[in-house]
């Protein structure tokens, strides 16, 4: 397995965790500007990493987020959740 691919998946999972935690915090503290700024920075970086991953390795999910090149790449193995760290 390509070490860059593993690192990108690891970074994406870490940023998703941070985004979820900030989202939960903001649900109970909606007027706090600093956590909102952090959330926006994290989600921007997360979207960049997801786009980079998909350019290099194909889609992270099978529908709704990015178009597919020809041929359809979703059926190529391994799927993101099958990759072992």
Protein backbone atom coordinates (compact mmCIF):
# COMPACT_ATOMS: atom_id res chain seq x y z
CA UNK A 1 0.00 0.00 0.00
CA UNK A 2 1.25 3.46 -0.95
CA UNK A 3 2.45 5.28 2.19
CA UNK A 4 1.18 8.63 0.84
CA UNK A 5 -2.28 7.13 0.45
CA UNK A 6 -2.24 5.88 4.03
CA UNK A 7 -1.06 9.26 5.30
CA UNK A 8 -3.80 11.10 3.40
CA UNK A 9 -6.47 8.76 4.80
CA UNK A 10 -5.07 9.20 8.30
CA UNK A 11 -5.08 13.00 7.94
CA UNK A 12 -8.63 12.97 6.57
CA UNK A 13 -9.87 10.84 9.47
CA UNK A 14 -8.14 13.09 12.00
CA UNK A 15 -9.65 16.24 10.52
CA UNK A 16 -13.09 14.62 10.34
CA UNK A 17 -12.81 13.86 14.06
CA UNK A 18 -11.84 17.47 14.83
CA UNK A 19 -14.68 18.80 12.65
CA UNK A 20 -17.22 16.60 14.44
CA UNK A 21 -15.95 17.68 17.86
CA UNK A 22 -16.05 21.36 16.90
CA UNK A 23 -19.52 20.87 15.45
CA UNK A 24 -20.74 19.38 18.73
CA UNK A 25 -19.12 22.17 20.73
CA UNK A 26 -20.69 24.84 18.51
CA UNK A 27 -24.10 23.22 18.96
CA UNK A 28 -23.94 24.30 22.62
CA UNK A 29 -21.80 27.44 22.19
CA UNK A 30 -23.04 28.98 18.93
CA UNK A 31 -21.83 32.52 19.66
CA UNK A 32 -18.15 31.71 20.25
CA UNK A 33 -16.13 33.10 17.37
CA UNK A 34 -12.80 31.29 17.88
CA UNK A 35 -14.21 27.74 17.71
CA UNK A 36 -16.22 28.78 14.66
CA UNK A 37 -13.05 30.07 13.00
CA UNK A 38 -11.33 26.80 13.87
CA UNK A 39 -14.23 24.82 12.42
CA UNK A 40 -14.10 26.76 9.17
CA UNK A 41 -10.33 26.27 8.86
CA UNK A 42 -10.60 22.55 9.60
CA UNK A 43 -13.42 21.99 7.11
CA UNK A 44 -11.56 23.95 4.42
CA UNK A 45 -8.43 21.83 4.92
CA UNK A 46 -10.52 18.65 5.11
CA UNK A 47 -12.15 19.44 1.77
CA UNK A 48 -8.73 20.11 0.24
CA UNK A 49 -7.37 16.77 1.45
CA UNK A 50 -10.44 14.89 0.25
CA UNK A 51 -10.13 16.48 -3.19
CA UNK A 52 -6.42 15.63 -3.29
CA UNK A 53 -7.11 12.03 -2.28
CA UNK A 54 -9.79 11.63 -4.92
CA UNK A 55 -7.56 13.10 -7.64
CA UNK A 56 -4.82 10.65 -6.75
CA UNK A 57 -6.70 7.50 -5.74
CA UNK A 58 -10.36 7.76 -6.70
CA UNK A 59 -13.55 8.46 -4.79
CA UNK A 60 -13.85 8.19 -1.01
CA UNK A 61 -17.58 7.48 -1.24
CA UNK A 62 -19.63 6.04 -4.06
CA UNK A 63 -22.08 8.87 -4.62
CA UNK A 64 -22.82 12.53 -4.39
CA UNK A 65 -19.47 14.22 -3.76
CA UNK A 66 -17.34 13.99 -6.84
CA UNK A 67 -17.67 12.98 -10.46
CA UNK A 68 -15.91 9.88 -11.73
CA UNK A 69 -13.37 9.58 -14.47
CA UNK A 70 -13.78 6.98 -17.17
CA UNK A 71 -13.86 4.15 -16.45
CA UNK A 72 -15.94 4.02 -13.28
CA UNK A 73 -13.35 3.87 -10.50
CA UNK A 74 -15.47 3.07 -7.48
CA UNK A 75 -15.23 -0.66 -8.13
CA UNK A 76 -11.44 -0.61 -7.89
CA UNK A 77 -10.05 -2.18 -4.71
CA UNK A 78 -9.43 -1.46 -1.98
CA UNK A 79 -12.28 0.69 -0.81
CA UNK A 80 -11.26 3.34 1.73
CA UNK A 81 -12.70 1.46 4.72
CA UNK A 82 -10.89 -1.73 3.70
CA UNK A 83 -7.43 -0.19 3.98
CA UNK A 84 -5.51 -1.42 7.01
CA UNK A 85 -3.28 1.01 8.90
